[in-house]
Amino acid sequence: MTIAKNAGVEGSLVVEKILQGPPEMGYDAMLGEYVNMVEKGIIDPTKVVRTALLDAAGVASLLATAEAVVTEIPKEEKEMPGGGMGGMGGMGGMGGGMGF
């Protein structure tokens, strides 16, 4: 919507038209027309997946060759105390006691 506004057109109208069209349709702000974003090379899904895989492989390689990795020590949680005894009633006047 911001790109459309910056191009001097009403962003909400552009968004509405895009939502009504096929999934690959988008707005080319440079040409001022609705186009197939993949065919025009504006969006390249293959490049996105390729980049994600390369980044993941790089991180995995780094962790595999590292001599040490710093992490947080898990905190030990204290055991919760047991519940109170049943049948103890409530606070006076609160419906659980003798109703004073």
PDB file of N, CA and C in Angstrom:
ATOM      1  N   MET A   1       0.830  -1.178   0.000  1.00  0.00           N
ATOM      2  CA  MET A   1       0.000   0.000   0.000  1.00  0.00           C
ATOM      3  C   MET A   1       0.883   1.253   0.000  1.00  0.00           C
ATOM      4  N   THR A   2       1.980   1.213   0.735  1.00  0.00           N
ATOM      5  CA  THR A   2       2.874   2.366   0.798  1.00  0.00           C
ATOM      6  C   THR A   2       3.517   2.647  -0.554  1.00  0.00           C
ATOM      7  N   ILE A   3       3.915   1.591  -1.258  1.00  0.00           N
ATOM      8  CA  ILE A   3       4.524   1.784  -2.582  1.00  0.00           C
ATOM      9  C   ILE A   3       3.525   2.445  -3.519  1.00  0.00           C
ATOM     10  N   ALA A   4       2.273   2.000  -3.466  1.00  0.00           N
ATOM     11  CA  ALA A   4       1.242   2.596  -4.324  1.00  0.00           C
ATOM     12  C   ALA A   4       1.042   4.070  -3.972  1.00  0.00           C
ATOM     13  N   LYS A   5       0.981   4.387  -2.689  1.00  0.00           N
ATOM     14  CA  LYS A   5       0.815   5.787  -2.271  1.00  0.00           C
ATOM     15  C   LYS A   5       1.992   6.636  -2.736  1.00  0.00           C
ATOM     16  N   ASN A   6       3.202   6.089  -2.595  1.00  0.00           N
ATOM     17  CA  ASN A   6       4.388   6.821  -3.034  1.00  0.00           C
ATOM     18  C   ASN A   6       4.407   7.024  -4.546  1.00  0.00           C
ATOM     19  N   ALA A   7       3.722   6.154  -5.284  1.00  0.00           N
ATOM     20  CA  ALA A   7       3.647   6.277  -6.743  1.00  0.00           C
ATOM     21  C   ALA A   7       2.542   7.243  -7.160  1.00  0.00           C
ATOM     22  N   GLY A   8       1.802   7.779  -6.190  1.00  0.00           N
ATOM     23  CA  GLY A   8       0.775   8.773  -6.487  1.00  0.00           C
ATOM     24  C   GLY A   8      -0.588   8.202  -6.803  1.00  0.00           C
ATOM     25  N   VAL A   9      -0.840   6.960  -6.394  1.00  0.00           N
ATOM     26  CA  VAL A   9      -2.162   6.358  -6.612  1.00  0.00           C
ATOM     27  C   VAL A   9      -2.776   5.991  -5.267  1.00  0.00           C
ATOM     28  N   GLU A  10      -4.071   5.738  -5.268  1.00  0.00           N
ATOM     29  CA  GLU A  10      -4.790   5.383  -4.041  1.00  0.00           C
ATOM     30  C   GLU A  10      -4.449   3.943  -3.652  1.00  0.00           C
ATOM     31  N   GLY A  11      -3.718   3.777  -2.553  1.00  0.00           N
ATOM     32  CA  GLY A  11      -3.243   2.464  -2.123  1.00  0.00           C
ATOM     33  C   GLY A  11      -4.336   1.461  -1.860  1.00  0.00           C
ATOM     34  N   SER A  12      -5.437   1.893  -1.239  1.00  0.00           N
ATOM     35  CA  SER A  12      -6.509   0.947  -0.915  1.00  0.00           C
ATOM     36  C   SER A  12      -7.162   0.384  -2.175  1.00  0.00           C
ATOM     37  N   LEU A  13      -7.251   1.186  -3.233  1.00  0.00           N
ATOM     38  CA  LEU A  13      -7.829   0.696  -4.490  1.00  0.00           C
ATOM     39  C   LEU A  13      -6.905  -0.327  -5.152  1.00  0.00           C
ATOM     40  N   VAL A  14      -5.609  -0.080  -5.082  1.00  0.00           N
ATOM     41  CA  VAL A  14      -4.638  -1.019  -5.645  1.00  0.00           C
ATOM     42  C   VAL A  14      -4.702  -2.346  -4.896  1.00  0.00           C
ATOM     43  N   VAL A  15      -4.732  -2.287  -3.575  1.00  0.00           N
ATOM     44  CA  VAL A  15      -4.796  -3.503  -2.765  1.00  0.00           C
ATOM     45  C   VAL A  15      -6.069  -4.278  -3.073  1.00  0.00           C
ATOM     46  N   GLU A  16      -7.199  -3.603  -3.173  1.00  0.00           N
ATOM     47  CA  GLU A  16      -8.473  -4.261  -3.467  1.00  0.00           C
ATOM     48  C   GLU A  16      -8.416  -4.984  -4.808  1.00  0.00           C
ATOM     49  N   LYS A  17      -7.871  -4.347  -5.833  1.00  0.00           N
ATOM     50  CA  LYS A  17      -7.791  -4.970  -7.157  1.00  0.00           C
ATOM     51  C   LYS A  17      -6.846  -6.173  -7.135  1.00  0.00           C
ATOM     52  N   ILE A  18      -5.746  -6.066  -6.408  1.00  0.00           N
ATOM     53  CA  ILE A  18      -4.801  -7.184  -6.310  1.00  0.00           C
ATOM     54  C   ILE A  18      -5.451  -8.375  -5.612  1.00  0.00           C
ATOM     55  N   LEU A  19      -6.205  -8.120  -4.555  1.00  0.00           N
ATOM     56  CA  LEU A  19      -6.865  -9.200  -3.817  1.00  0.00           C
ATOM     57  C   LEU A  19      -7.906  -9.915  -4.664  1.00  0.00           C
ATOM     58  N   GLN A  20      -8.501  -9.227  -5.618  1.00  0.00           N
ATOM     59  CA  GLN A  20      -9.515  -9.828  -6.484  1.00  0.00           C
ATOM     60  C   GLN A  20      -8.891 -10.631  -7.624  1.00  0.00           C
ATOM     61  N   GLY A  21      -7.623 -10.399  -7.922  1.00  0.00           N
ATOM     62  CA  GLY A  21      -6.963 -11.064  -9.040  1.00  0.00           C
ATOM     63  C   GLY A  21      -6.287 -12.360  -8.632  1.00  0.00           C
ATOM     64  N   PRO A  22      -5.586 -12.983  -9.585  1.00  0.00           N
ATOM     65  CA  PRO A  22      -4.850 -14.220  -9.285  1.00  0.00           C
ATOM     66  C   PRO A  22      -3.682 -13.946  -8.334  1.00  0.00           C
ATOM     67  N   PRO A  23      -3.184 -14.987  -7.657  1.00  0.00           N
ATOM     68  CA  PRO A  23      -2.137 -14.794  -6.645  1.00  0.00           C
ATOM     69  C   PRO A  23      -0.845 -14.170  -7.167  1.00  0.00           C
ATOM     70  N   GLU A  24      -0.519 -14.394  -8.433  1.00  0.00           N
ATOM     71  CA  GLU A  24       0.738 -13.856  -8.957  1.00  0.00           C
ATOM     72  C   GLU A  24       0.620 -12.417  -9.451  1.00  0.00           C
ATOM     73  N   MET A  25      -0.595 -11.874  -9.444  1.00  0.00           N
ATOM     74  CA  MET A  25      -0.799 -10.510  -9.923  1.00  0.00           C
ATOM     75  C   MET A  25      -0.365  -9.492  -8.865  1.00  0.00           C
ATOM     76  N   GLY A  26       0.227  -8.408  -9.325  1.00  0.00           N
ATOM     77  CA  GLY A  26       0.642  -7.340  -8.437  1.00  0.00           C
ATOM     78  C   GLY A  26       0.671  -6.021  -9.181  1.00  0.00           C
ATOM     79  N   TYR A  27       1.060  -4.971  -8.487  1.00  0.00           N
ATOM     80  CA  TYR A  27       1.077  -3.630  -9.070  1.00  0.00           C
ATOM     81  C   TYR A  27       2.514  -3.212  -9.333  1.00  0.00           C
ATOM     82  N   ASP A  28       2.823  -2.905 -10.592  1.00  0.00           N
ATOM     83  CA  ASP A  28       4.142  -2.395 -10.966  1.00  0.00           C
ATOM     84  C   ASP A  28       4.074  -0.875 -10.873  1.00  0.00           C
ATOM     85  N   ALA A  29       4.622  -0.322  -9.816  1.00  0.00           N
ATOM     86  CA  ALA A  29       4.528   1.120  -9.567  1.00  0.00           C
ATOM     87  C   ALA A  29       5.295   1.931 -10.605  1.00  0.00           C
ATOM     88  N   MET A  30       6.351   1.374 -11.185  1.00  0.00           N
ATOM     89  CA  MET A  30       7.120   2.115 -12.195  1.00  0.00           C
ATOM     90  C   MET A  30       6.318   2.301 -13.480  1.00  0.00           C
ATOM     91  N   LEU A  31       5.553   1.257 -13.865  1.00  0.00           N
ATOM     92  CA  LEU A  31       4.753   1.341 -15.091  1.00  0.00           C
ATOM     93  C   LEU A  31       3.332   1.820 -14.826  1.00  0.00           C
ATOM     94  N   GLY A  32       2.897   1.726 -13.570  1.00  0.00           N
ATOM     95  CA  GLY A  32       1.538   2.117 -13.222  1.00  0.00           C
ATOM     96  C   GLY A  32       0.497   1.144 -13.731  1.00  0.00           C
ATOM     97  N   GLU A  33       0.855  -0.149 -13.785  1.00  0.00           N
ATOM     98  CA  GLU A  33      -0.104  -1.148 -14.277  1.00  0.00           C
ATOM     99  C   GLU A  33      -0.016  -2.432 -13.464  1.00  0.00           C
ATOM    100  N   TYR A  34      -1.054  -3.250 -13.599  1.00  0.00           N
ATOM    101  CA  TYR A  34      -1.126  -4.528 -12.906  1.00  0.00           C
ATOM    102  C   TYR A  34      -0.484  -5.581 -13.803  1.00  0.00           C
ATOM    103  N   VAL A  35       0.437  -6.357 -13.245  1.00  0.00           N
ATOM    104  CA  VAL A  35       1.200  -7.317 -14.037  1.00  0.00           C
ATOM    105  C   VAL A  35       1.368  -8.626 -13.268  1.00  0.00           C
ATOM    106  N   ASN A  36       1.808  -9.661 -13.991  1.00  0.00           N
ATOM    107  CA  ASN A  36       2.206 -10.915 -13.368  1.00  0.00           C
ATOM    108  C   ASN A  36       3.603 -10.672 -12.796  1.00  0.00           C
ATOM    109  N   MET A  37       3.714 -10.655 -11.471  1.00  0.00           N
ATOM    110  CA  MET A  37       4.956 -10.266 -10.802  1.00  0.00           C
ATOM    111  C   MET A  37       6.105 -11.240 -11.080  1.00  0.00           C
ATOM    112  N   VAL A  38       5.796 -12.524 -11.247  1.00  0.00           N
ATOM    113  CA  VAL A  38       6.832 -13.517 -11.511  1.00  0.00           C
ATOM    114  C   VAL A  38       7.363 -13.351 -12.933  1.00  0.00           C
ATOM    115  N   GLU A  39       6.450 -13.207 -13.902  1.00  0.00           N
ATOM    116  CA  GLU A  39       6.868 -13.040 -15.298  1.00  0.00           C
ATOM    117  C   GLU A  39       7.705 -11.780 -15.501  1.00  0.00           C
ATOM    118  N   LYS A  40       7.384 -10.717 -14.806  1.00  0.00           N
ATOM    119  CA  LYS A  40       8.120  -9.455 -14.930  1.00  0.00           C
ATOM    120  C   LYS A  40       9.442  -9.465 -14.155  1.00  0.00           C
ATOM    121  N   GLY A  41       9.662 -10.502 -13.341  1.00  0.00           N
ATOM    122  CA  GLY A  41      10.907 -10.589 -12.582  1.00  0.00           C
ATOM    123  C   GLY A  41      10.923  -9.746 -11.323  1.00  0.00           C
ATOM    124  N   ILE A  42       9.767  -9.225 -10.929  1.00  0.00           N
ATOM    125  CA  ILE A  42       9.688  -8.418  -9.706  1.00  0.00           C
ATOM    126  C   ILE A  42       9.818  -9.323  -8.489  1.00  0.00           C
ATOM    127  N   ILE A  43       9.198 -10.501  -8.568  1.00  0.00           N
ATOM    128  CA  ILE A  43       9.295 -11.501  -7.508  1.00  0.00           C
ATOM    129  C   ILE A  43       9.931 -12.741  -8.113  1.00  0.00           C
ATOM    130  N   ASP A  44      10.934 -13.288  -7.451  1.00  0.00           N
ATOM    131  CA  ASP A  44      11.600 -14.501  -7.912  1.00  0.00           C
ATOM    132  C   ASP A  44      11.584 -15.514  -6.776  1.00  0.00           C
ATOM    133  N   PRO A  45      10.547 -16.377  -6.713  1.00  0.00           N
ATOM    134  CA  PRO A  45      10.434 -17.317  -5.599  1.00  0.00           C
ATOM    135  C   PRO A  45      11.622 -18.276  -5.496  1.00  0.00           C
ATOM    136  N   THR A  46      12.223 -18.620  -6.628  1.00  0.00           N
ATOM    137  CA  THR A  46      13.376 -19.517  -6.607  1.00  0.00           C
ATOM    138  C   THR A  46      14.544 -18.876  -5.874  1.00  0.00           C
ATOM    139  N   LYS A  47      14.763 -17.605  -6.098  1.00  0.00           N
ATOM    140  CA  LYS A  47      15.870 -16.903  -5.448  1.00  0.00           C
ATOM    141  C   LYS A  47      15.652 -16.832  -3.938  1.00  0.00           C
ATOM    142  N   VAL A  48      14.415 -16.638  -3.517  1.00  0.00           N
ATOM    143  CA  VAL A  48      14.108 -16.560  -2.085  1.00  0.00           C
ATOM    144  C   VAL A  48      14.441 -17.881  -1.408  1.00  0.00           C
ATOM    145  N   VAL A  49      13.994 -18.989  -1.995  1.00  0.00           N
ATOM    146  CA  VAL A  49      14.252 -20.311  -1.417  1.00  0.00           C
ATOM    147  C   VAL A  49      15.751 -20.611  -1.435  1.00  0.00           C
ATOM    148  N   ARG A  50      16.414 -20.294  -2.535  1.00  0.00           N
ATOM    149  CA  ARG A  50      17.856 -20.535  -2.660  1.00  0.00           C
ATOM    150  C   ARG A  50      18.631 -19.771  -1.585  1.00  0.00           C
ATOM    151  N   THR A  51      18.281 -18.520  -1.377  1.00  0.00           N
ATOM    152  CA  THR A  51      18.955 -17.704  -0.370  1.00  0.00           C
ATOM    153  C   THR A  51      18.727 -18.264   1.031  1.00  0.00           C
ATOM    154  N   ALA A  52      17.503 -18.691   1.324  1.00  0.00           N
ATOM    155  CA  ALA A  52      17.200 -19.261   2.643  1.00  0.00           C
ATOM    156  C   ALA A  52      18.012 -20.531   2.881  1.00  0.00           C
ATOM    157  N   LEU A  53      18.116 -21.388   1.861  1.00  0.00           N
ATOM    158  CA  LEU A  53      18.889 -22.622   2.007  1.00  0.00           C
ATOM    159  C   LEU A  53      20.380 -22.334   2.191  1.00  0.00           C
ATOM    160  N   LEU A  54      20.901 -21.381   1.453  1.00  0.00           N
ATOM    161  CA  LEU A  54      22.316 -21.019   1.608  1.00  0.00           C
ATOM    162  C   LEU A  54      22.602 -20.478   3.005  1.00  0.00           C
ATOM    163  N   ASP A  55      21.716 -19.635   3.507  1.00  0.00           N
ATOM    164  CA  ASP A  55      21.900 -19.082   4.853  1.00  0.00           C
ATOM    165  C   ASP A  55      21.832 -20.177   5.916  1.00  0.00           C
ATOM    166  N   ALA A  56      20.866 -21.089   5.776  1.00  0.00           N
ATOM    167  CA  ALA A  56      20.723 -22.182   6.740  1.00  0.00           C
ATOM    168  C   ALA A  56      21.947 -23.094   6.707  1.00  0.00           C
ATOM    169  N   ALA A  57      22.453 -23.383   5.512  1.00  0.00           N
ATOM    170  CA  ALA A  57      23.645 -24.229   5.389  1.00  0.00           C
ATOM    171  C   ALA A  57      24.857 -23.546   6.017  1.00  0.00           C
ATOM    172  N   GLY A  58      24.963 -22.246   5.857  1.00  0.00           N
ATOM    173  CA  GLY A  58      26.072 -21.509   6.455  1.00  0.00           C
ATOM    174  C   GLY A  58      26.049 -21.566   7.970  1.00  0.00           C
ATOM    175  N   VAL A  59      24.883 -21.401   8.550  1.00  0.00           N
ATOM    176  CA  VAL A  59      24.750 -21.459  10.012  1.00  0.00           C
ATOM    177  C   VAL A  59      25.049 -22.869  10.508  1.00  0.00           C
ATOM    178  N   ALA A  60      24.519 -23.881   9.816  1.00  0.00           N
ATOM    179  CA  ALA A  60      24.769 -25.270  10.214  1.00  0.00           C
ATOM    180  C   ALA A  60      26.255 -25.595  10.140  1.00  0.00           C
ATOM    181  N   SER A  61      26.922 -25.126   9.102  1.00  0.00           N
ATOM    182  CA  SER A  61      28.361 -25.355   8.949  1.00  0.00           C
ATOM    183  C   SER A  61      29.139 -24.682  10.072  1.00  0.00           C
ATOM    184  N   LEU A  62      28.758 -23.476  10.409  1.00  0.00           N
ATOM    185  CA  LEU A  62      29.427 -22.745  11.478  1.00  0.00           C
ATOM    186  C   LEU A  62      29.286 -23.472  12.809  1.00  0.00           C
ATOM    187  N   LEU A  63      28.076 -23.944  13.115  1.00  0.00           N
ATOM    188  CA  LEU A  63      27.850 -24.642  14.381  1.00  0.00           C
ATOM    189  C   LEU A  63      28.566 -25.985  14.415  1.00  0.00           C
ATOM    190  N   ALA A  64      28.663 -26.656  13.260  1.00  0.00           N
ATOM    191  CA  ALA A  64      29.314 -27.969  13.209  1.00  0.00           C
ATOM    192  C   ALA A  64      30.822 -27.854  13.413  1.00  0.00           C
ATOM    193  N   THR A  65      31.414 -26.755  13.006  1.00  0.00           N
ATOM    194  CA  THR A  65      32.868 -26.610  13.114  1.00  0.00           C
ATOM    195  C   THR A  65      33.304 -25.807  14.337  1.00  0.00           C
ATOM    196  N   ALA A  66      32.366 -25.267  15.071  1.00  0.00           N
ATOM    197  CA  ALA A  66      32.713 -24.462  16.250  1.00  0.00           C
ATOM    198  C   ALA A  66      33.212 -25.370  17.375  1.00  0.00           C
ATOM    199  N   GLU A  67      34.230 -24.906  18.095  1.00  0.00           N
ATOM    200  CA  GLU A  67      34.736 -25.664  19.233  1.00  0.00           C
ATOM    201  C   GLU A  67      33.827 -25.516  20.441  1.00  0.00           C
ATOM    202  N   ALA A  68      33.128 -24.406  20.513  1.00  0.00           N
ATOM    203  CA  ALA A  68      32.231 -24.168  21.639  1.00  0.00           C
ATOM    204  C   ALA A  68      31.077 -23.293  21.173  1.00  0.00           C
ATOM    205  N   VAL A  69      29.936 -23.518  21.773  1.00  0.00           N
ATOM    206  CA  VAL A  69      28.759 -22.711  21.483  1.00  0.00           C
ATOM    207  C   VAL A  69      28.220 -22.212  22.814  1.00  0.00           C
ATOM    208  N   VAL A  70      27.955 -20.936  22.927  1.00  0.00           N
ATOM    209  CA  VAL A  70      27.450 -20.345  24.162  1.00  0.00           C
ATOM    210  C   VAL A  70      25.927 -20.374  24.130  1.00  0.00           C
ATOM    211  N   THR A  71      25.348 -20.931  25.170  1.00  0.00           N
ATOM    212  CA  THR A  71      23.889 -20.955  25.302  1.00  0.00           C
ATOM    213  C   THR A  71      23.521 -20.552  26.715  1.00  0.00           C
ATOM    214  N   GLU A  72      22.240 -20.384  26.956  1.00  0.00           N
ATOM    215  CA  GLU A  72      21.761 -20.074  28.302  1.00  0.00           C
ATOM    216  C   GLU A  72      21.626 -21.354  29.099  1.00  0.00           C
ATOM    217  N   ILE A  73      21.996 -21.295  30.377  1.00  0.00           N
ATOM    218  CA  ILE A  73      21.802 -22.440  31.257  1.00  0.00           C
ATOM    219  C   ILE A  73      20.330 -22.477  31.640  1.00  0.00           C
ATOM    220  N   PRO A  74      19.681 -23.630  31.478  1.00  0.00           N
ATOM    221  CA  PRO A  74      18.264 -23.695  31.854  1.00  0.00           C
ATOM    222  C   PRO A  74      18.089 -23.458  33.353  1.00  0.00           C
ATOM    223  N   LYS A  75      17.088 -22.688  33.691  1.00  0.00           N
ATOM    224  CA  LYS A  75      16.816 -22.394  35.100  1.00  0.00           C
ATOM    225  C   LYS A  75      16.011 -23.540  35.699  1.00  0.00           C
ATOM    226  N   GLU A  76      16.418 -23.940  36.902  1.00  0.00           N
ATOM    227  CA  GLU A  76      15.666 -24.976  37.601  1.00  0.00           C
ATOM    228  C   GLU A  76      14.429 -24.344  38.218  1.00  0.00           C
ATOM    229  N   GLU A  77      13.300 -24.940  37.949  1.00  0.00           N
ATOM    230  CA  GLU A  77      12.060 -24.412  38.516  1.00  0.00           C
ATOM    231  C   GLU A  77      11.798 -25.097  39.845  1.00  0.00           C
ATOM    232  N   LYS A  78      11.443 -24.289  40.850  1.00  0.00           N
ATOM    233  CA  LYS A  78      11.135 -24.833  42.167  1.00  0.00           C
ATOM    234  C   LYS A  78       9.803 -25.564  42.091  1.00  0.00           C
ATOM    235  N   GLU A  79       9.706 -26.640  42.883  1.00  0.00           N
ATOM    236  CA  GLU A  79       8.455 -27.380  42.911  1.00  0.00           C
ATOM    237  C   GLU A  79       7.384 -26.537  43.579  1.00  0.00           C
ATOM    238  N   MET A  80       6.197 -26.593  43.036  1.00  0.00           N
ATOM    239  CA  MET A  80       5.075 -25.856  43.604  1.00  0.00           C
ATOM    240  C   MET A  80       4.597 -26.582  44.857  1.00  0.00           C
ATOM    241  N   PRO A  81       4.221 -25.830  45.914  1.00  0.00           N
ATOM    242  CA  PRO A  81       3.707 -26.480  47.122  1.00  0.00           C
ATOM    243  C   PRO A  81       2.371 -27.156  46.829  1.00  0.00           C
ATOM    244  N   GLY A  82       2.067 -28.154  47.610  1.00  0.00           N
ATOM    245  CA  GLY A  82       0.810 -28.871  47.438  1.00  0.00           C
ATOM    246  C   GLY A  82      -0.381 -27.986  47.745  1.00  0.00           C
ATOM    247  N   GLY A  83      -1.545 -28.373  47.266  1.00  0.00           N
ATOM    248  CA  GLY A  83      -2.763 -27.605  47.499  1.00  0.00           C
ATOM    249  C   GLY A  83      -3.220 -27.717  48.941  1.00  0.00           C
ATOM    250  N   GLY A  84      -4.109 -26.830  49.360  1.00  0.00           N
ATOM    251  CA  GLY A  84      -4.637 -26.853  50.721  1.00  0.00           C
ATOM    252  C   GLY A  84      -5.574 -28.027  50.928  1.00  0.00           C
ATOM    253  N   MET A  85      -5.931 -28.239  52.171  1.00  0.00           N
ATOM    254  CA  MET A  85      -6.834 -29.338  52.498  1.00  0.00           C
ATOM    255  C   MET A  85      -8.241 -28.997  52.037  1.00  0.00           C
ATOM    256  N   GLY A  86      -8.972 -29.970  51.594  1.00  0.00           N
ATOM    257  CA  GLY A  86     -10.338 -29.763  51.141  1.00  0.00           C
ATOM    258  C   GLY A  86     -11.284 -29.522  52.295  1.00  0.00           C
ATOM    259  N   GLY A  87     -12.448 -28.937  52.031  1.00  0.00           N
ATOM    260  CA  GLY A  87     -13.484 -28.742  53.034  1.00  0.00           C
ATOM    261  C   GLY A  87     -13.188 -27.666  54.045  1.00  0.00           C
ATOM    262  N   MET A  88     -12.290 -26.741  53.747  1.00  0.00           N
ATOM    263  CA  MET A  88     -11.919 -25.714  54.705  1.00  0.00           C
ATOM    264  C   MET A  88     -12.886 -24.535  54.684  1.00  0.00           C
ATOM    265  N   GLY A  89     -13.794 -24.476  53.720  1.00  0.00           N
ATOM    266  CA  GLY A  89     -14.715 -23.346  53.669  1.00  0.00           C
ATOM    267  C   GLY A  89     -14.035 -22.131  53.078  1.00  0.00           C
ATOM    268  N   GLY A  90     -14.795 -21.061  52.961  1.00  0.00           N
ATOM    269  CA  GLY A  90     -14.229 -19.851  52.384  1.00  0.00           C
ATOM    270  C   GLY A  90     -14.136 -18.768  53.418  1.00  0.00           C
ATOM    271  N   MET A  91     -13.999 -17.539  52.958  1.00  0.00           N
ATOM    272  CA  MET A  91     -13.965 -16.398  53.858  1.00  0.00           C
ATOM    273  C   MET A  91     -15.394 -16.114  54.313  1.00  0.00           C
ATOM    274  N   GLY A  92     -15.547 -15.603  55.513  1.00  0.00           N
ATOM    275  CA  GLY A  92     -16.870 -15.296  56.043  1.00  0.00           C
ATOM    276  C   GLY A  92     -17.640 -14.357  55.129  1.00  0.00           C
ATOM    277  N   GLY A  93     -18.897 -14.670  54.854  1.00  0.00           N
ATOM    278  CA  GLY A  93     -19.715 -13.816  54.016  1.00  0.00           C
ATOM    279  C   GLY A  93     -19.459 -13.997  52.533  1.00  0.00           C
ATOM    280  N   MET A  94     -18.583 -14.909  52.176  1.00  0.00           N
ATOM    281  CA  MET A  94     -18.251 -15.110  50.767  1.00  0.00           C
ATOM    282  C   MET A  94     -18.892 -16.379  50.217  1.00  0.00           C
ATOM    283  N   GLY A  95     -19.790 -16.965  50.939  1.00  0.00           N
ATOM    284  CA  GLY A  95     -20.516 -18.115  50.440  1.00  0.00           C
ATOM    285  C   GLY A  95     -19.914 -19.444  50.810  1.00  0.00           C
ATOM    286  N   GLY A  96     -18.792 -19.478  51.487  1.00  0.00           N
ATOM    287  CA  GLY A  96     -18.176 -20.757  51.789  1.00  0.00           C
ATOM    288  C   GLY A  96     -18.155 -21.066  53.269  1.00  0.00           C
ATOM    289  N   GLY A  97     -18.471 -20.105  54.105  1.00  0.00           N
ATOM    290  CA  GLY A  97     -18.392 -20.327  55.547  1.00  0.00           C
ATOM    291  C   GLY A  97     -19.779 -20.513  56.133  1.00  0.00           C
ATOM    292  N   MET A  98     -19.955 -19.993  57.335  1.00  0.00           N
ATOM    293  CA  MET A  98     -21.220 -20.168  58.032  1.00  0.00           C
ATOM    294  C   MET A  98     -22.198 -19.057  57.701  1.00  0.00           C
ATOM    295  N   GLY A  99     -21.814 -18.074  56.921  1.00  0.00           N
ATOM    296  CA  GLY A  99     -22.747 -17.051  56.477  1.00  0.00           C
ATOM    297  C   GLY A  99     -23.000 -15.942  57.467  1.00  0.00           C
ATOM    298  N   PHE A 100     -22.035 -15.590  58.281  1.00  0.00           N
ATOM    299  CA  PHE A 100     -22.234 -14.510  59.253  1.00  0.00           C
ATOM    300  C   PHE A 100     -22.404 -13.199  58.577  1.00  0.00           C
TER     301      PHE A 100
END
